C-alpha atoms as a PDB file:
ATOM      1  CA  MET A   1     -16.295   1.829  25.672  1.00  0.00           C
ATOM      2  CA  GLY A   2     -13.639  -0.815  25.721  1.00  0.00           C
ATOM      3  CA  PRO A   3     -10.115  -0.562  27.019  1.00  0.00           C
ATOM      4  CA  MET A   4      -7.965   2.141  25.491  1.00  0.00           C
ATOM      5  CA  MET A   5      -4.547   3.613  26.043  1.00  0.00           C
ATOM      6  CA  VAL A   6      -4.338   7.355  26.600  1.00  0.00           C
ATOM      7  CA  MET A   7      -0.979   9.107  26.506  1.00  0.00           C
ATOM      8  CA  GLY A   8      -0.391  12.733  27.361  1.00  0.00           C
ATOM      9  CA  VAL A   9       2.487  14.843  26.125  1.00  0.00           C
ATOM     10  CA  ALA A  10       3.491  17.773  28.285  1.00  0.00           C
ATOM     11  CA  LEU A  11       5.909  20.563  27.558  1.00  0.00           C
ATOM     12  CA  ALA A  12       8.837  21.143  29.846  1.00  0.00           C
ATOM     13  CA  PRO A  13       8.212  23.710  32.602  1.00  0.00           C
ATOM     14  CA  GLY A  14       8.811  27.168  31.240  1.00  0.00           C
ATOM     15  CA  ALA A  15       8.667  25.996  27.597  1.00  0.00           C
ATOM     16  CA  GLU A  16       7.317  28.494  25.112  1.00  0.00           C
ATOM     17  CA  ARG A  17       3.996  26.834  24.196  1.00  0.00           C
ATOM     18  CA  LEU A  18       3.000  28.885  21.165  1.00  0.00           C
ATOM     19  CA  GLY A  19       6.063  27.925  19.169  1.00  0.00           C
ATOM     20  CA  ALA A  20       6.011  24.335  20.421  1.00  0.00           C
ATOM     21  CA  PHE A  21       2.736  23.678  18.571  1.00  0.00           C
ATOM     22  CA  ALA A  22       2.991  26.197  15.709  1.00  0.00           C
ATOM     23  CA  PHE A  23       3.616  25.211  12.101  1.00  0.00           C
ATOM     24  CA  VAL A  24       3.939  28.804  10.882  1.00  0.00           C
ATOM     25  CA  PRO A  25       5.626  31.803  12.532  1.00  0.00           C
ATOM     26  CA  GLY A  26       3.520  34.310  14.394  1.00  0.00           C
ATOM     27  CA  ALA A  27       3.717  36.949  17.106  1.00  0.00           C
ATOM     28  CA  ASP A  28       3.236  36.392  20.824  1.00  0.00           C
ATOM     29  CA  LYS A  29       1.416  38.840  23.121  1.00  0.00           C
ATOM     30  CA  GLY A  30       4.541  40.990  23.305  1.00  0.00           C
ATOM     31  CA  GLY A  31       4.816  41.188  19.510  1.00  0.00           C
ATOM     32  CA  ARG A  32       7.923  38.978  19.388  1.00  0.00           C
ATOM     33  CA  THR A  33       8.127  36.551  16.475  1.00  0.00           C
ATOM     34  CA  VAL A  34       7.619  32.954  17.537  1.00  0.00           C
ATOM     35  CA  ALA A  35       9.621  30.330  15.694  1.00  0.00           C
ATOM     36  CA  PRO A  36       7.478  27.332  14.729  1.00  0.00           C
ATOM     37  CA  ARG A  37       8.499  23.982  16.190  1.00  0.00           C
ATOM     38  CA  GLY A  38       5.274  22.107  15.396  1.00  0.00           C
ATOM     39  CA  PRO A  39       6.764  20.059  12.534  1.00  0.00           C
ATOM     40  CA  ALA A  40       9.504  18.750  14.853  1.00  0.00           C
ATOM     41  CA  LEU A  41       6.922  17.873  17.508  1.00  0.00           C
ATOM     42  CA  LEU A  42       4.825  16.010  14.942  1.00  0.00           C
ATOM     43  CA  GLN A  43       7.890  14.043  13.824  1.00  0.00           C
ATOM     44  CA  ARG A  44       8.635  13.168  17.443  1.00  0.00           C
ATOM     45  CA  LEU A  45       5.081  11.967  17.996  1.00  0.00           C
ATOM     46  CA  ILE A  46       5.158   9.846  14.836  1.00  0.00           C
ATOM     47  CA  GLY A  47       8.735   8.592  15.196  1.00  0.00           C
ATOM     48  CA  ASP A  48       9.068   8.150  18.972  1.00  0.00           C
ATOM     49  CA  VAL A  49       5.775   8.328  20.886  1.00  0.00           C
ATOM     50  CA  LEU A  50       3.552   6.303  18.545  1.00  0.00           C
ATOM     51  CA  PRO A  51       6.064   3.408  18.307  1.00  0.00           C
ATOM     52  CA  LEU A  52       6.381   3.470  22.110  1.00  0.00           C
ATOM     53  CA  ALA A  53       2.609   3.174  22.469  1.00  0.00           C
ATOM     54  CA  VAL A  54       2.584   0.271  20.005  1.00  0.00           C
ATOM     55  CA  ARG A  55       5.342  -1.435  21.971  1.00  0.00           C
ATOM     56  CA  TYR A  56       3.064  -1.266  25.021  1.00  0.00           C
ATOM     57  CA  GLY A  57       0.140  -2.788  23.143  1.00  0.00           C
ATOM     58  CA  ALA A  58      -1.634   0.093  21.403  1.00  0.00           C
ATOM     59  CA  ASP A  59      -3.220  -0.617  18.038  1.00  0.00           C
ATOM     60  CA  PRO A  60      -1.681   1.898  15.585  1.00  0.00           C
ATOM     61  CA  SER A  61      -4.715   1.629  13.303  1.00  0.00           C
ATOM     62  CA  ARG A  62      -6.805   3.196  16.099  1.00  0.00           C
ATOM     63  CA  ALA A  63      -4.391   5.995  17.022  1.00  0.00           C
ATOM     64  CA  ALA A  64      -5.980   9.393  17.642  1.00  0.00           C
ATOM     65  CA  LEU A  65      -4.537  12.861  18.203  1.00  0.00           C
ATOM     66  CA  MET A  66      -6.295  15.319  20.514  1.00  0.00           C
ATOM     67  CA  GLY A  67      -5.398  18.864  21.463  1.00  0.00           C
ATOM     68  CA  HIS A  68      -6.807  22.026  23.022  1.00  0.00           C
ATOM     69  CA  SER A  69      -6.078  25.649  22.142  1.00  0.00           C
ATOM     70  CA  MET A  70      -2.663  25.867  20.416  1.00  0.00           C
ATOM     71  CA  SER A  71      -2.362  22.084  20.591  1.00  0.00           C
ATOM     72  CA  GLY A  72      -5.845  21.938  19.002  1.00  0.00           C
ATOM     73  CA  GLN A  73      -4.430  24.029  16.152  1.00  0.00           C
ATOM     74  CA  PHE A  74      -1.525  21.564  16.073  1.00  0.00           C
ATOM     75  CA  VAL A  75      -4.051  18.725  15.586  1.00  0.00           C
ATOM     76  CA  LEU A  76      -5.567  20.510  12.582  1.00  0.00           C
ATOM     77  CA  GLU A  77      -2.128  21.221  11.106  1.00  0.00           C
ATOM     78  CA  ALA A  78      -1.145  17.549  11.592  1.00  0.00           C
ATOM     79  CA  ARG A  79      -4.371  16.416   9.889  1.00  0.00           C
ATOM     80  CA  ALA A  80      -3.679  18.773   6.985  1.00  0.00           C
ATOM     81  CA  ARG A  81      -0.280  17.077   6.608  1.00  0.00           C
ATOM     82  CA  SER A  82      -1.828  13.571   6.563  1.00  0.00           C
ATOM     83  CA  ALA A  83      -0.372  12.521   9.917  1.00  0.00           C
ATOM     84  CA  PRO A  84      -0.925   8.783  10.503  1.00  0.00           C
ATOM     85  CA  PHE A  85      -3.750   9.021  13.012  1.00  0.00           C
ATOM     86  CA  LYS A  86      -7.212   7.539  12.458  1.00  0.00           C
ATOM     87  CA  ARG A  87      -9.052  10.255  14.351  1.00  0.00           C
ATOM     88  CA  PHE A  88      -8.370  13.881  15.211  1.00  0.00           C
ATOM     89  CA  ALA A  89     -10.028  15.852  18.037  1.00  0.00           C
ATOM     90  CA  ALA A  90      -9.569  19.633  18.134  1.00  0.00           C
ATOM     91  CA  VAL A  91     -10.977  21.428  21.180  1.00  0.00           C
ATOM     92  CA  SER A  92     -11.105  25.225  20.914  1.00  0.00           C
ATOM     93  CA  PRO A  93      -8.273  25.223  18.371  1.00  0.00           C
ATOM     94  CA  SER A  94      -6.389  28.499  17.933  1.00  0.00           C
ATOM     95  CA  ILE A  95      -7.289  28.844  14.258  1.00  0.00           C
ATOM     96  CA  TRP A  96      -6.620  32.569  14.553  1.00  0.00           C
ATOM     97  CA  TRP A  97      -2.889  31.706  14.567  1.00  0.00           C
ATOM     98  CA  ASN A  98      -3.092  30.300  11.023  1.00  0.00           C
ATOM     99  CA  PRO A  99      -6.583  30.562   9.458  1.00  0.00           C
ATOM    100  CA  ALA A 100      -5.229  28.923   6.277  1.00  0.00           C
ATOM    101  CA  VAL A 101      -5.520  25.600   8.131  1.00  0.00           C
ATOM    102  CA  ILE A 102      -9.246  25.616   7.291  1.00  0.00           C
ATOM    103  CA  ALA A 103      -8.633  25.429   3.527  1.00  0.00           C
ATOM    104  CA  ALA A 104      -5.725  23.003   4.071  1.00  0.00           C
ATOM    105  CA  GLN A 105      -7.939  20.280   5.570  1.00  0.00           C
ATOM    106  CA  PRO A 106      -8.229  17.090   3.497  1.00  0.00           C
ATOM    107  CA  GLN A 107     -11.401  16.770   1.465  1.00  0.00           C
ATOM    108  CA  GLN A 108     -12.084  13.196   2.628  1.00  0.00           C
ATOM    109  CA  GLY A 109     -15.000  14.293   4.757  1.00  0.00           C
ATOM    110  CA  GLY A 110     -15.080  15.086   8.418  1.00  0.00           C
ATOM    111  CA  SER A 111     -15.929  11.699   9.915  1.00  0.00           C
ATOM    112  CA  GLY A 112     -12.438  11.385  11.406  1.00  0.00           C
ATOM    113  CA  LEU A 113     -12.530  14.894  12.863  1.00  0.00           C
ATOM    114  CA  PHE A 114     -14.094  15.922  16.191  1.00  0.00           C
ATOM    115  CA  LEU A 115     -14.590  19.662  16.721  1.00  0.00           C
ATOM    116  CA  THR A 116     -15.802  21.356  19.865  1.00  0.00           C
ATOM    117  CA  VAL A 117     -15.653  24.795  21.448  1.00  0.00           C
ATOM    118  CA  GLY A 118     -17.171  26.544  24.452  1.00  0.00           C
ATOM    119  CA  ALA A 119     -20.070  28.863  23.656  1.00  0.00           C
ATOM    120  CA  GLU A 120     -18.613  31.487  25.998  1.00  0.00           C
ATOM    121  CA  GLU A 121     -15.405  31.756  23.943  1.00  0.00           C
ATOM    122  CA  GLU A 122     -17.034  34.275  21.631  1.00  0.00           C
ATOM    123  CA  ALA A 123     -19.588  35.766  23.997  1.00  0.00           C
ATOM    124  CA  PRO A 124     -20.563  39.437  23.905  1.00  0.00           C
ATOM    125  CA  GLY A 125     -18.689  41.396  26.528  1.00  0.00           C
ATOM    126  CA  LEU A 126     -15.329  39.692  26.055  1.00  0.00           C
ATOM    127  CA  PRO A 127     -12.398  42.050  25.442  1.00  0.00           C
ATOM    128  CA  GLY A 128     -11.838  42.971  21.793  1.00  0.00           C
ATOM    129  CA  PRO A 129      -8.672  40.883  21.326  1.00  0.00           C
ATOM    130  CA  HIS A 130     -10.509  37.762  22.535  1.00  0.00           C
ATOM    131  CA  LEU A 131     -13.451  38.384  20.224  1.00  0.00           C
ATOM    132  CA  ALA A 132     -11.064  38.994  17.314  1.00  0.00           C
ATOM    133  CA  ARG A 133      -9.856  35.399  17.634  1.00  0.00           C
ATOM    134  CA  ARG A 134     -13.295  34.193  16.419  1.00  0.00           C
ATOM    135  CA  MET A 135     -13.064  30.946  18.390  1.00  0.00           C
ATOM    136  CA  VAL A 136     -16.627  29.823  17.614  1.00  0.00           C
ATOM    137  CA  SER A 137     -16.920  31.412  14.159  1.00  0.00           C
ATOM    138  CA  ASN A 138     -13.652  29.894  12.935  1.00  0.00           C
ATOM    139  CA  LEU A 139     -14.802  26.435  14.013  1.00  0.00           C
ATOM    140  CA  ARG A 140     -18.137  26.929  12.250  1.00  0.00           C
ATOM    141  CA  ASP A 141     -16.201  27.794   9.077  1.00  0.00           C
ATOM    142  CA  LEU A 142     -14.018  24.710   9.520  1.00  0.00           C
ATOM    143  CA  ALA A 143     -16.997  22.414  10.140  1.00  0.00           C
ATOM    144  CA  THR A 144     -18.663  23.710   6.973  1.00  0.00           C
ATOM    145  CA  ALA A 145     -15.487  23.324   4.898  1.00  0.00           C
ATOM    146  CA  SER A 146     -14.528  19.893   6.237  1.00  0.00           C
ATOM    147  CA  GLY A 147     -17.915  18.252   6.687  1.00  0.00           C
ATOM    148  CA  ALA A 148     -17.112  17.562  10.335  1.00  0.00           C
ATOM    149  CA  SER A 149     -19.758  18.010  12.986  1.00  0.00           C
ATOM    150  CA  LEU A 150     -19.284  20.769  15.523  1.00  0.00           C
ATOM    151  CA  THR A 151     -20.361  20.688  19.150  1.00  0.00           C
ATOM    152  CA  ILE A 152     -20.722  24.061  20.851  1.00  0.00           C
ATOM    153  CA  LEU A 153     -20.687  23.502  24.594  1.00  0.00           C
ATOM    154  CA  ALA A 154     -23.215  25.703  26.407  1.00  0.00           C
ATOM    155  CA  ASP A 155     -21.882  27.607  29.412  1.00  0.00           C
ATOM    156  CA  GLU A 156     -18.258  26.535  28.750  1.00  0.00           C
ATOM    157  CA  ASP A 157     -15.297  28.827  28.173  1.00  0.00           C
ATOM    158  CA  HIS A 158     -11.784  28.265  26.843  1.00  0.00           C
ATOM    159  CA  GLY A 159     -10.529  26.793  30.106  1.00  0.00           C
ATOM    160  CA  SER A 160     -13.463  24.468  30.781  1.00  0.00           C
ATOM    161  CA  ALA A 161     -14.113  23.214  27.215  1.00  0.00           C
ATOM    162  CA  PRO A 162     -11.510  20.406  27.223  1.00  0.00           C
ATOM    163  CA  PHE A 163     -12.865  18.960  30.474  1.00  0.00           C
ATOM    164  CA  ALA A 164     -16.502  19.218  29.388  1.00  0.00           C
ATOM    165  CA  SER A 165     -15.736  17.577  26.035  1.00  0.00           C
ATOM    166  CA  LEU A 166     -13.611  14.695  27.318  1.00  0.00           C
ATOM    167  CA  PRO A 167     -16.377  12.038  27.570  1.00  0.00           C
ATOM    168  CA  ALA A 168     -17.522  12.782  24.001  1.00  0.00           C
ATOM    169  CA  ILE A 169     -13.915  12.690  22.757  1.00  0.00           C
ATOM    170  CA  LEU A 170     -13.347   9.280  24.345  1.00  0.00           C
ATOM    171  CA  ARG A 171     -16.544   7.947  22.718  1.00  0.00           C
ATOM    172  CA  PHE A 172     -15.477   9.431  19.353  1.00  0.00           C
ATOM    173  CA  VAL A 173     -12.016   7.833  19.598  1.00  0.00           C
ATOM    174  CA  ALA A 174     -13.471   4.477  20.675  1.00  0.00           C
ATOM    175  CA  ARG A 175     -15.613   4.174  17.529  1.00  0.00           C
ATOM    176  CA  THR A 176     -14.238   1.630  15.100  1.00  0.00           C
END
């Protein structure tokens, strides 16, 4: 791998993370409706963060967007809206929040899409609500629909999947 610039975007402490990444309304664990702020975040990334990265020397033609969990769902929603990134990496995306994102993916093939999930995210013995999220099954459906390859990480769960997948994501992003 050659040199690359990696930028992280963090939410403010105490920020409501579901709505921050959501493109459609949904309900949180308490049943309260969450207002989607994902479109505004995407505009901020495109209008403010990406130009800042370019100003510091990043090549915009190699820009990639990566996310885990709800931010992984955000990556898929951004890809469905033709966001100006060359590559997209979704780790354990919360497709259960908006399963329509599978059908909304562009039909250009999956070569610009990296998908990964921990095998333990849909393991027998998990509580019913966790199994209902279909973390592995939803990604299998997405890989089939989009033509993207899917890596299922043995022995990894929702919390460990982003760390276990990071080397592969960096190699995927570094490809020209």
